[in-house]
Each structure stands twice: as C-alpha cells, then as structure tokens.
Amino acid sequence: MYRSNVLVCGGTGCTSSNSELIIQRLKKEIKAKGLEKEVNVVRTGCFGLCALGPIMIVYPEGSFYSMVTPEDVPEIVEEHLLKGRIVKRLLYQETVVDDNTIKSLSHTPFYEKQKRVALRNCGVINPEKIDEYIAQDGYAALGKALTEMTPQEVIDEISKSGLRGRGGAGFPTGRKWSFAAANQADQKYVCCNADEGDPGAFMDRSILEGDPHAVLEAMAIAAYAIGASQGYIYVRAEYPIAVKRLQIAIDQAREYGLLGKNIFDTDFCFDVELRLGAGAFVCGEETALMTSIEGKRGEPRCRPPFPAVKGLFGKPTILNNVETYANVPQIILNGADWFTSMGTEKSKGTKVFALGGKIKHTGLVEVPMGTTLREIVEEIGGGVPGGHKFKAAQTGGPSGGCIPAEHLDVPIDYDNLIAIGSMMGSGGLIVMDDTTCMVDIAKFFLEFTVDESCGKCTPCRIGTKRLLEILNKITSGNGELEDIDKLEELCYYIKENALCGLGQTAPNPVLSTLRYFRDEYIAHVTEKRCPAGACKALTNYYIEPDKCKGCTLCARNCPVNAISGTVKQPHVIDTQKCIKCGACMEKCKFQAIVKR
C-alpha cells in the first residue's frame, strides 16, 4: 500500500508539454530519495483542464499542481512527497481557500457543474493497466449482460435509457441495435467510429487515451446484443497515443479472457481489431468508414440499404462512436433509470464537449444534457478573456452552425440546437469573441469541407467550391448584394442533393451565419468593411493622434517601414505600404492604434 499516489496527465495535450519527461524525472527523484516503496506514480489520461497542463495531482491530499515543468519535479519530491509540505506556487489557484486549506477539484468552477459518465475514468486510472479498470467495476457490465440478461434484454435496457448517438446525428442507439439484431446472417459486425476529424474536436481521442477498456467492453456488450462475433475500431493514425493504448488494452483483454473465445465461460465469442484511418474527414461518415475498412477508397454509399441490413462486407453491422460506447457499460451496470435521471426529455444523459477558441479554460467538459451555453462558457470555461465580449459559439464543426449571444441561455440538447440552426455534432465547441468575423468563420469551415470532400457527388464536389468562391469574393472586397442571395440558394441546393450526411450539412456554417449575422455580410459588400477587423483586404490600421505619444515603438517594429513621425509627435501609417501584420498594434502601449 502506497502512502501517496502521484497522478500525471499522459494525454496528448500534456504529453506535448513534456509530461512524459516529468514522469521520468519523478521516478528518478523518488528513487533517489528512497521513496519508491511509498510513492506510486500513475500515468493517466486527460483530466480535462487542458489550459493548465501539464497537470499533476497528489493523493490523498488532492493537491492539484498545474503547468508543471520538469524543473519543478525536484521541489515537489523534496517538499511535498518527502517533507509533507505542499508547493503552493504550483497549485491551481481555484483550489486554494487560504494558506492552510485547499479544496477538492469537484468544488472548483470548472468541475462542479460537470457530471462525468463517459469521462469517469479519464484522469483517474492508468489506461495501460487492465487491473485498474477492473478495480473501477470494469467488465462487470459485460459479465452482467452475459450471465444475467438475454440479448433482447440488453437492447431493451439501452432503448429504455434513451441513449442517442454522440457522433452527431443523435439516432437512438437501442433502435439501431434492434434493427441489426432482427436481421439474420451467418456473420455480423460491431464497429467503432474513432475517426474524429472535426477541427477543434478531441473528445473521442481523450476517452481512448484515458479509458480504452470502456470502449472494448461496450463493443462486446453490443456484439452480444446483436449476435456479432467480430469488431473493428476505425481510429485515426494521427492519434498515436490512442492507437498504442487501444492495442495494449486489446492484448490485455485477450489475455484475461475478456475478448476471444467463450467469454465469462459462456458460448459468446468476440474479438476486436484496429483499422487505422489515413486522415480523410469523409471516413467519419458510416458507410465511407466501412468501405475504408474493406480496403477500398473511403467514399459514402447510397442508403438504403442501411448498415444494420447490409453494412461491412455486406453483412448486418452496427456503428457507434467512441463516446456513445463509453456510456453503455454504465447503463447496463446502473440501469436505464439512472441514466434517464440526467438530461432532458428527449436527450438523456450527458454530453462531452471539447471547449476551445476565445475562452479562458480550454479543455474537455462533460455536462448533463440541458446545460445552457452560458453555464459552459461563463461558469465552466471562465468566460471570454482579454475584456472582449462573447459573440458566438460554433458547435458541430464543419457540419454545425453558430450560436449567437442571444441564445446563450438555450438548454443544449439535440432538438434545441437544431431549432436554432446548429447541431450537436460530435462535441466540438469553439467560442468566438467580438474580434471574430463571422463571414471569415464560414469561409474557414468551407475551406475545410472543400479540401476534405471525397468528390463522389457533384453537389458537394462542385457546390462547396462555388460557395467558397463567393465567400472569397465577399471577404476580398469584391462582393455584390446578389452574391448573398446566391450563397443562400446554393446552400439549400447542396443540403437537398448531396449524397451523404457530411455533404448535406456542409452549408450549415454559412446558413447559420447568414441567419444571425447577415449584417456583417452586407457590411462586407456595401461598405467594403469588415466590422470585426479580421478580413485583411477590408481592414486598415490607423493611429489616433490624440492617443499617440510619439514614442516611436510602432515605427521601430514595423517590418515594412510604413509608419512615419517624429519623437513625441503623433505618427501616421501609410495604408498603401502597410501589410496589416498587426505588429504595431501589439507593441503600442497606449492603445493608440485601431483597425477599421
């Protein structure tokens, strides 16, 4: 029994900031102090508060150290682990009550409104040790399903829970499983969509890195429910840590008899294999994903037939995403009523969001369905930094839409988001402030969609390019009022005629920004002005004479010598020479430089 457990985040974000080096140095320093039998170092998944990584938590005290560096390790070992004195300068300040008291993470603004179900083990266990997962009731749900429930009872429990797909469409999970179970075949498949391609989304990656066994257990339960014997996890090759930990988890589960033949001494046999995606966004669409697993070019198929009838290799198949599966063991273990006690009438349970953009606390949050956007942005996320105002939030990535400030208090669930022109998507939530141009945001997502289009259908292949051409025309100052009408008309045509869900939702960022920020489009066209000052072609930098002190700092930092003036006299920017890099505004100490 160790007297101290030191948990260090081993997720991608913290790993990129040297958390692996921190772990190595911790072990070295602990050994040097003769504490290796007293102190246990645990590499975990993501804690969620990514803005403060690398993160280290020491138990039983619960000391939350943030932005730790390898150079801080000797002090932590010497002072805290050896002498029992907390290193206060490294503490996450929200946990500090006074000089003698720290409070638990669950009582800090970032965590107190969260409810962790899919993320329950992330930041708690070592994802590379199956025993730690089992100690948290891991594989108990699979055992219960196989020994106490019939396949139909499993499906009924999932249906009763109201669990809907967390990958974006929100289709009822139990209904999908029942369709596949009803189709008789000599072979059925269970697939996991871990091809997380939305800009700013990292929910699935964090679950795979922090709790891979939860996904394997859920896939086995799903396989038992529909009568499948083989599963595939389609994961992005760009997620090396997730791929590594998934393979370790698969090997460990096989070794423990939790994958393979006669699981829990029953007749049930099921195994899982990994398939690595090559980064194609379209392979997040279920039929394209299955086509890719089959070794073909990842392109969508026409539906019907749906995968539950004719999916992978022409056999009945169910496909759910990582977060959906992560909920399944808890539903089977705790019951459908437990799950339905969270969320709203039509959207049960919780939802994981990757919170990013113009927000103080970027990171991973899991909240009950029905939590308002205001609670997520202002209370959990800490609000918009730098004195700027919240302008909008983009949910659903390239398939979603922008939620303006007027809808900050709308409860977030599947139906409410669709009603205001957005969608849940997989869970990326990008916050924008008053310096963000909404026309430029629409263009950003269209650039992504055009680049990622598989090209199979004309509405997506050609239509999105035409949309992007019009947006480029408007943001470069050459737009006409009729271009706005053309944008809208073309958006609806693509939505109605594209082959797959990704093509059909590609116009959503344009439509939602037109719906709520049409005045910005009009300003770009009629006034040749970007209200947010983000579009370079429509923006110029000016020095306000009454604020300029003539310190010459702006002129000395201008890379093209576009600023002139004498010492202690107001300076002037030559807009013809100016390359609009913003260096002058950044350096000015008197806020004398403005964009307009």
Foldseek 3Di string as FASTA:
>chain_A
DAQKEKEWAPEPLQVVVPSVVLLVLLVVLCVVVVNPVHYHYAYFFDPWQSVFPRWMAMPPQRFIFTPDDSVCNNVCCVPCVPVNHDPVVRGPVQQDPDPVGGHHPCPGLQRVQFDDQLCVQGSPHRLLDVVRCVVVVFLVLVVCCQPPHALVRLLVQQQLLLQFFLQFPRHRPSVLLVLLLPADDPAEEEEAEALDQFVLDCPLLRSLLGHVSLLVSLSLSSCRNRVHAEYEYEHEPVSVSSVVSNVSNQVVCVVVQNAAQCRVVHRHHHHYDYDYDHNQPLCSFQQLVLCVVVVHHRDHDFDDVDQSCQGRVGGGYDYGYRSSSSNSSVCSVVTSVVQQVFADDNFTHKAKAQEEAQFQRGTIGIHTQQAFQCSVGCRNRVHGPDPFAWAWKWAQGLLFATGGPVRRGGGDDAVRRVVLLTGHRNHYIHTDTLLDFLLVVLLVSLVVQQVNPPCPDCLSVPLSVVLNVLSVCLLLLNHAPVSLVVNVVSLCVQLVDPRGSSSNRNSSHVVSCCVPPVVQSVCSHVVVARSSLPRQNSKFKWFAQVQDQQCCQLQVQQPQNQWDDHRRGTITGNRVRHPPPCRSCVRDPRNRMDMD
